[in-house]
Amino acid sequence: MGFSLTLLGVLIGEMFASQRGLGYLIMNAIGGHDVPTMMAVVLILATVAVLIGAALLHIDRRLHRGAA
């Protein structure tokens, strides 16, 4: 859960206070009504978040199984 909140915080920060990054790219796509770019970036972010979240969950389960 901490990873998800951290990723969300970074993206929100980039959306409003950055000159580059994925958040900035999303804001530019929104401003230019560039739906394909916006959807591509969101899909990439969602995929990365799900994969990393699943990997961290797997690691957590392995660590807790070994400790019991």
PDB file of N, CA and C in Angstrom:
ATOM      1  N   MET A   1       0.832  -1.188   0.000  1.00  0.00           N
ATOM      2  CA  MET A   1       0.000   0.000   0.000  1.00  0.00           C
ATOM      3  C   MET A   1       0.878   1.254   0.000  1.00  0.00           C
ATOM      4  N   GLY A   2       1.991   1.179   0.675  1.00  0.00           N
ATOM      5  CA  GLY A   2       2.890   2.322   0.714  1.00  0.00           C
ATOM      6  C   GLY A   2       3.426   2.674  -0.660  1.00  0.00           C
ATOM      7  N   PHE A   3       3.734   1.650  -1.463  1.00  0.00           N
ATOM      8  CA  PHE A   3       4.228   1.907  -2.813  1.00  0.00           C
ATOM      9  C   PHE A   3       3.180   2.631  -3.644  1.00  0.00           C
ATOM     10  N   SER A   4       1.932   2.188  -3.566  1.00  0.00           N
ATOM     11  CA  SER A   4       0.856   2.807  -4.346  1.00  0.00           C
ATOM     12  C   SER A   4       0.665   4.273  -3.975  1.00  0.00           C
ATOM     13  N   LEU A   5       0.690   4.562  -2.692  1.00  0.00           N
ATOM     14  CA  LEU A   5       0.531   5.947  -2.243  1.00  0.00           C
ATOM     15  C   LEU A   5       1.718   6.808  -2.651  1.00  0.00           C
ATOM     16  N   THR A   6       2.900   6.237  -2.602  1.00  0.00           N
ATOM     17  CA  THR A   6       4.091   6.982  -3.020  1.00  0.00           C
ATOM     18  C   THR A   6       4.036   7.283  -4.509  1.00  0.00           C
ATOM     19  N   LEU A   7       3.678   6.298  -5.320  1.00  0.00           N
ATOM     20  CA  LEU A   7       3.560   6.507  -6.762  1.00  0.00           C
ATOM     21  C   LEU A   7       2.518   7.572  -7.072  1.00  0.00           C
ATOM     22  N   LEU A   8       1.394   7.508  -6.413  1.00  0.00           N
ATOM     23  CA  LEU A   8       0.338   8.497  -6.625  1.00  0.00           C
ATOM     24  C   LEU A   8       0.805   9.895  -6.228  1.00  0.00           C
ATOM     25  N   GLY A   9       1.503  10.007  -5.110  1.00  0.00           N
ATOM     26  CA  GLY A   9       2.011  11.309  -4.677  1.00  0.00           C
ATOM     27  C   GLY A   9       3.013  11.894  -5.651  1.00  0.00           C
ATOM     28  N   VAL A  10       3.886  11.071  -6.171  1.00  0.00           N
ATOM     29  CA  VAL A  10       4.875  11.546  -7.152  1.00  0.00           C
ATOM     30  C   VAL A  10       4.184  12.017  -8.420  1.00  0.00           C
ATOM     31  N   LEU A  11       3.207  11.262  -8.877  1.00  0.00           N
ATOM     32  CA  LEU A  11       2.497  11.652 -10.100  1.00  0.00           C
ATOM     33  C   LEU A  11       1.729  12.958  -9.924  1.00  0.00           C
ATOM     34  N   ILE A  12       1.084  13.107  -8.800  1.00  0.00           N
ATOM     35  CA  ILE A  12       0.347  14.359  -8.558  1.00  0.00           C
ATOM     36  C   ILE A  12       1.320  15.532  -8.478  1.00  0.00           C
ATOM     37  N   GLY A  13       2.455  15.325  -7.830  1.00  0.00           N
ATOM     38  CA  GLY A  13       3.464  16.384  -7.773  1.00  0.00           C
ATOM     39  C   GLY A  13       3.973  16.750  -9.153  1.00  0.00           C
ATOM     40  N   GLU A  14       4.208  15.748  -9.990  1.00  0.00           N
ATOM     41  CA  GLU A  14       4.673  16.014 -11.349  1.00  0.00           C
ATOM     42  C   GLU A  14       3.608  16.719 -12.184  1.00  0.00           C
ATOM     43  N   MET A  15       2.360  16.405 -11.934  1.00  0.00           N
ATOM     44  CA  MET A  15       1.287  17.006 -12.726  1.00  0.00           C
ATOM     45  C   MET A  15       1.217  18.518 -12.535  1.00  0.00           C
ATOM     46  N   PHE A  16       1.535  18.970 -11.341  1.00  0.00           N
ATOM     47  CA  PHE A  16       1.322  20.380 -11.050  1.00  0.00           C
ATOM     48  C   PHE A  16       2.590  21.185 -10.855  1.00  0.00           C
ATOM     49  N   ALA A  17       3.728  20.546 -10.651  1.00  0.00           N
ATOM     50  CA  ALA A  17       4.918  21.321 -10.304  1.00  0.00           C
ATOM     51  C   ALA A  17       6.170  20.881 -11.056  1.00  0.00           C
ATOM     52  N   SER A  18       6.010  20.233 -12.197  1.00  0.00           N
ATOM     53  CA  SER A  18       7.179  19.705 -12.874  1.00  0.00           C
ATOM     54  C   SER A  18       7.245  20.190 -14.315  1.00  0.00           C
ATOM     55  N   GLN A  19       8.445  20.187 -14.845  1.00  0.00           N
ATOM     56  CA  GLN A  19       8.654  20.543 -16.245  1.00  0.00           C
ATOM     57  C   GLN A  19       8.892  19.305 -17.103  1.00  0.00           C
ATOM     58  N   ARG A  20       8.933  18.120 -16.480  1.00  0.00           N
ATOM     59  CA  ARG A  20       9.079  16.867 -17.211  1.00  0.00           C
ATOM     60  C   ARG A  20       8.605  15.722 -16.335  1.00  0.00           C
ATOM     61  N   GLY A  21       8.446  14.579 -16.934  1.00  0.00           N
ATOM     62  CA  GLY A  21       7.977  13.410 -16.211  1.00  0.00           C
ATOM     63  C   GLY A  21       6.646  12.940 -16.761  1.00  0.00           C
ATOM     64  N   LEU A  22       6.183  11.821 -16.251  1.00  0.00           N
ATOM     65  CA  LEU A  22       4.940  11.249 -16.760  1.00  0.00           C
ATOM     66  C   LEU A  22       3.718  12.074 -16.367  1.00  0.00           C
ATOM     67  N   GLY A  23       3.733  12.643 -15.177  1.00  0.00           N
ATOM     68  CA  GLY A  23       2.628  13.513 -14.772  1.00  0.00           C
ATOM     69  C   GLY A  23       2.526  14.737 -15.658  1.00  0.00           C
ATOM     70  N   TYR A  24       3.668  15.309 -15.976  1.00  0.00           N
ATOM     71  CA  TYR A  24       3.709  16.464 -16.877  1.00  0.00           C
ATOM     72  C   TYR A  24       3.211  16.073 -18.266  1.00  0.00           C
ATOM     73  N   LEU A  25       3.609  14.893 -18.726  1.00  0.00           N
ATOM     74  CA  LEU A  25       3.172  14.407 -20.033  1.00  0.00           C
ATOM     75  C   LEU A  25       1.655  14.223 -20.066  1.00  0.00           C
ATOM     76  N   ILE A  26       1.089  13.710 -18.985  1.00  0.00           N
ATOM     77  CA  ILE A  26      -0.367  13.551 -18.921  1.00  0.00           C
ATOM     78  C   ILE A  26      -1.057  14.914 -18.969  1.00  0.00           C
ATOM     79  N   MET A  27      -0.546  15.874 -18.224  1.00  0.00           N
ATOM     80  CA  MET A  27      -1.158  17.209 -18.218  1.00  0.00           C
ATOM     81  C   MET A  27      -1.077  17.868 -19.590  1.00  0.00           C
ATOM     82  N   ASN A  28       0.052  17.705 -20.290  1.00  0.00           N
ATOM     83  CA  ASN A  28       0.161  18.249 -21.644  1.00  0.00           C
ATOM     84  C   ASN A  28      -0.820  17.568 -22.587  1.00  0.00           C
ATOM     85  N   ALA A  29      -0.992  16.268 -22.452  1.00  0.00           N
ATOM     86  CA  ALA A  29      -1.936  15.542 -23.294  1.00  0.00           C
ATOM     87  C   ALA A  29      -3.372  15.986 -23.010  1.00  0.00           C
ATOM     88  N   ILE A  30      -3.685  16.223 -21.746  1.00  0.00           N
ATOM     89  CA  ILE A  30      -5.023  16.704 -21.396  1.00  0.00           C
ATOM     90  C   ILE A  30      -5.255  18.093 -21.994  1.00  0.00           C
ATOM     91  N   GLY A  31      -4.255  18.967 -21.845  1.00  0.00           N
ATOM     92  CA  GLY A  31      -4.376  20.324 -22.379  1.00  0.00           C
ATOM     93  C   GLY A  31      -4.491  20.361 -23.892  1.00  0.00           C
ATOM     94  N   GLY A  32      -3.833  19.436 -24.568  1.00  0.00           N
ATOM     95  CA  GLY A  32      -3.874  19.406 -26.028  1.00  0.00           C
ATOM     96  C   GLY A  32      -4.926  18.461 -26.579  1.00  0.00           C
ATOM     97  N   HIS A  33      -5.786  17.917 -25.720  1.00  0.00           N
ATOM     98  CA  HIS A  33      -6.838  16.981 -26.117  1.00  0.00           C
ATOM     99  C   HIS A  33      -6.259  15.805 -26.902  1.00  0.00           C
ATOM    100  N   ASP A  34      -5.109  15.317 -26.459  1.00  0.00           N
ATOM    101  CA  ASP A  34      -4.418  14.197 -27.096  1.00  0.00           C
ATOM    102  C   ASP A  34      -4.748  12.919 -26.331  1.00  0.00           C
ATOM    103  N   VAL A  35      -5.915  12.357 -26.637  1.00  0.00           N
ATOM    104  CA  VAL A  35      -6.409  11.195 -25.905  1.00  0.00           C
ATOM    105  C   VAL A  35      -5.508   9.960 -26.066  1.00  0.00           C
ATOM    106  N   PRO A  36      -5.001   9.647 -27.259  1.00  0.00           N
ATOM    107  CA  PRO A  36      -4.145   8.463 -27.364  1.00  0.00           C
ATOM    108  C   PRO A  36      -2.888   8.526 -26.485  1.00  0.00           C
ATOM    109  N   THR A  37      -2.235   9.676 -26.428  1.00  0.00           N
ATOM    110  CA  THR A  37      -1.049   9.826 -25.577  1.00  0.00           C
ATOM    111  C   THR A  37      -1.424   9.694 -24.104  1.00  0.00           C
ATOM    112  N   MET A  38      -2.514  10.356 -23.729  1.00  0.00           N
ATOM    113  CA  MET A  38      -2.960  10.310 -22.341  1.00  0.00           C
ATOM    114  C   MET A  38      -3.286   8.873 -21.925  1.00  0.00           C
ATOM    115  N   MET A  39      -3.998   8.150 -22.756  1.00  0.00           N
ATOM    116  CA  MET A  39      -4.370   6.783 -22.426  1.00  0.00           C
ATOM    117  C   MET A  39      -3.151   5.859 -22.412  1.00  0.00           C
ATOM    118  N   ALA A  40      -2.195   6.094 -23.292  1.00  0.00           N
ATOM    119  CA  ALA A  40      -0.980   5.276 -23.319  1.00  0.00           C
ATOM    120  C   ALA A  40      -0.182   5.445 -22.030  1.00  0.00           C
ATOM    121  N   VAL A  41      -0.020   6.688 -21.579  1.00  0.00           N
ATOM    122  CA  VAL A  41       0.729   6.942 -20.347  1.00  0.00           C
ATOM    123  C   VAL A  41       0.001   6.345 -19.148  1.00  0.00           C
ATOM    124  N   VAL A  42      -1.298   6.505 -19.091  1.00  0.00           N
ATOM    125  CA  VAL A  42      -2.082   5.949 -17.986  1.00  0.00           C
ATOM    126  C   VAL A  42      -2.001   4.420 -17.996  1.00  0.00           C
ATOM    127  N   LEU A  43      -2.060   3.805 -19.176  1.00  0.00           N
ATOM    128  CA  LEU A  43      -1.958   2.353 -19.270  1.00  0.00           C
ATOM    129  C   LEU A  43      -0.578   1.872 -18.819  1.00  0.00           C
ATOM    130  N   ILE A  44       0.466   2.567 -19.215  1.00  0.00           N
ATOM    131  CA  ILE A  44       1.822   2.213 -18.782  1.00  0.00           C
ATOM    132  C   ILE A  44       1.936   2.321 -17.267  1.00  0.00           C
ATOM    133  N   LEU A  45       1.447   3.415 -16.701  1.00  0.00           N
ATOM    134  CA  LEU A  45       1.512   3.605 -15.254  1.00  0.00           C
ATOM    135  C   LEU A  45       0.716   2.539 -14.506  1.00  0.00           C
ATOM    136  N   ALA A  46      -0.464   2.224 -14.990  1.00  0.00           N
ATOM    137  CA  ALA A  46      -1.286   1.211 -14.327  1.00  0.00           C
ATOM    138  C   ALA A  46      -0.609  -0.160 -14.393  1.00  0.00           C
ATOM    139  N   THR A  47      -0.029  -0.487 -15.541  1.00  0.00           N
ATOM    140  CA  THR A  47       0.653  -1.771 -15.692  1.00  0.00           C
ATOM    141  C   THR A  47       1.847  -1.873 -14.757  1.00  0.00           C
ATOM    142  N   VAL A  48       2.651  -0.826 -14.711  1.00  0.00           N
ATOM    143  CA  VAL A  48       3.820  -0.824 -13.831  1.00  0.00           C
ATOM    144  C   VAL A  48       3.384  -0.927 -12.368  1.00  0.00           C
ATOM    145  N   ALA A  49       2.355  -0.181 -11.988  1.00  0.00           N
ATOM    146  CA  ALA A  49       1.888  -0.205 -10.601  1.00  0.00           C
ATOM    147  C   ALA A  49       1.370  -1.592 -10.218  1.00  0.00           C
ATOM    148  N   VAL A  50       0.623  -2.229 -11.105  1.00  0.00           N
ATOM    149  CA  VAL A  50       0.086  -3.557 -10.808  1.00  0.00           C
ATOM    150  C   VAL A  50       1.223  -4.579 -10.708  1.00  0.00           C
ATOM    151  N   LEU A  51       2.177  -4.530 -11.639  1.00  0.00           N
ATOM    152  CA  LEU A  51       3.279  -5.489 -11.616  1.00  0.00           C
ATOM    153  C   LEU A  51       4.147  -5.331 -10.371  1.00  0.00           C
ATOM    154  N   ILE A  52       4.487  -4.109 -10.030  1.00  0.00           N
ATOM    155  CA  ILE A  52       5.317  -3.891  -8.839  1.00  0.00           C
ATOM    156  C   ILE A  52       4.541  -4.244  -7.577  1.00  0.00           C
ATOM    157  N   GLY A  53       3.264  -3.891  -7.534  1.00  0.00           N
ATOM    158  CA  GLY A  53       2.437  -4.246  -6.383  1.00  0.00           C
ATOM    159  C   GLY A  53       2.333  -5.755  -6.209  1.00  0.00           C
ATOM    160  N   ALA A  54       2.151  -6.475  -7.309  1.00  0.00           N
ATOM    161  CA  ALA A  54       2.078  -7.937  -7.236  1.00  0.00           C
ATOM    162  C   ALA A  54       3.412  -8.535  -6.793  1.00  0.00           C
ATOM    163  N   ALA A  55       4.509  -7.977  -7.300  1.00  0.00           N
ATOM    164  CA  ALA A  55       5.830  -8.470  -6.896  1.00  0.00           C
ATOM    165  C   ALA A  55       6.070  -8.242  -5.410  1.00  0.00           C
ATOM    166  N   LEU A  56       5.715  -7.069  -4.918  1.00  0.00           N
ATOM    167  CA  LEU A  56       5.895  -6.786  -3.492  1.00  0.00           C
ATOM    168  C   LEU A  56       5.000  -7.669  -2.630  1.00  0.00           C
ATOM    169  N   LEU A  57       3.787  -7.931  -3.076  1.00  0.00           N
ATOM    170  CA  LEU A  57       2.887  -8.822  -2.346  1.00  0.00           C
ATOM    171  C   LEU A  57       3.450 -10.242  -2.306  1.00  0.00           C
ATOM    172  N   HIS A  58       4.002 -10.697  -3.415  1.00  0.00           N
ATOM    173  CA  HIS A  58       4.613 -12.027  -3.468  1.00  0.00           C
ATOM    174  C   HIS A  58       5.796 -12.121  -2.502  1.00  0.00           C
ATOM    175  N   ILE A  59       6.636 -11.106  -2.496  1.00  0.00           N
ATOM    176  CA  ILE A  59       7.784 -11.079  -1.581  1.00  0.00           C
ATOM    177  C   ILE A  59       7.311 -11.086  -0.134  1.00  0.00           C
ATOM    178  N   ASP A  60       6.284 -10.301   0.168  1.00  0.00           N
ATOM    179  CA  ASP A  60       5.754 -10.241   1.529  1.00  0.00           C
ATOM    180  C   ASP A  60       5.221 -11.602   1.963  1.00  0.00           C
ATOM    181  N   ARG A  61       4.499 -12.259   1.087  1.00  0.00           N
ATOM    182  CA  ARG A  61       3.946 -13.577   1.433  1.00  0.00           C
ATOM    183  C   ARG A  61       5.051 -14.604   1.651  1.00  0.00           C
ATOM    184  N   ARG A  62       6.096 -14.556   0.826  1.00  0.00           N
ATOM    185  CA  ARG A  62       7.214 -15.494   1.007  1.00  0.00           C
ATOM    186  C   ARG A  62       7.938 -15.246   2.321  1.00  0.00           C
ATOM    187  N   LEU A  63       8.124 -13.981   2.673  1.00  0.00           N
ATOM    188  CA  LEU A  63       8.811 -13.660   3.920  1.00  0.00           C
ATOM    189  C   LEU A  63       7.992 -14.087   5.127  1.00  0.00           C
ATOM    190  N   HIS A  64       6.694 -13.881   5.076  1.00  0.00           N
ATOM    191  CA  HIS A  64       5.850 -14.260   6.205  1.00  0.00           C
ATOM    192  C   HIS A  64       5.661 -15.768   6.301  1.00  0.00           C
ATOM    193  N   ARG A  65       5.699 -16.459   5.207  1.00  0.00           N
ATOM    194  CA  ARG A  65       5.581 -17.910   5.220  1.00  0.00           C
ATOM    195  C   ARG A  65       6.835 -18.531   5.827  1.00  0.00           C
ATOM    196  N   GLY A  66       7.984 -17.944   5.536  1.00  0.00           N
ATOM    197  CA  GLY A  66       9.233 -18.463   6.078  1.00  0.00           C
ATOM    198  C   GLY A  66       9.389 -18.183   7.561  1.00  0.00           C
ATOM    199  N   ALA A  67       8.745 -17.114   8.067  1.00  0.00           N
ATOM    200  CA  ALA A  67       8.872 -16.732   9.465  1.00  0.00           C
ATOM    201  C   ALA A  67       7.960 -17.553  10.379  1.00  0.00           C
ATOM    202  N   ALA A  68       6.922 -18.123   9.802  1.00  0.00           N
ATOM    203  CA  ALA A  68       5.936 -18.849  10.628  1.00  0.00           C
ATOM    204  C   ALA A  68       6.356 -20.240  10.991  1.00  0.00           C
TER     205      ALA A  68
END
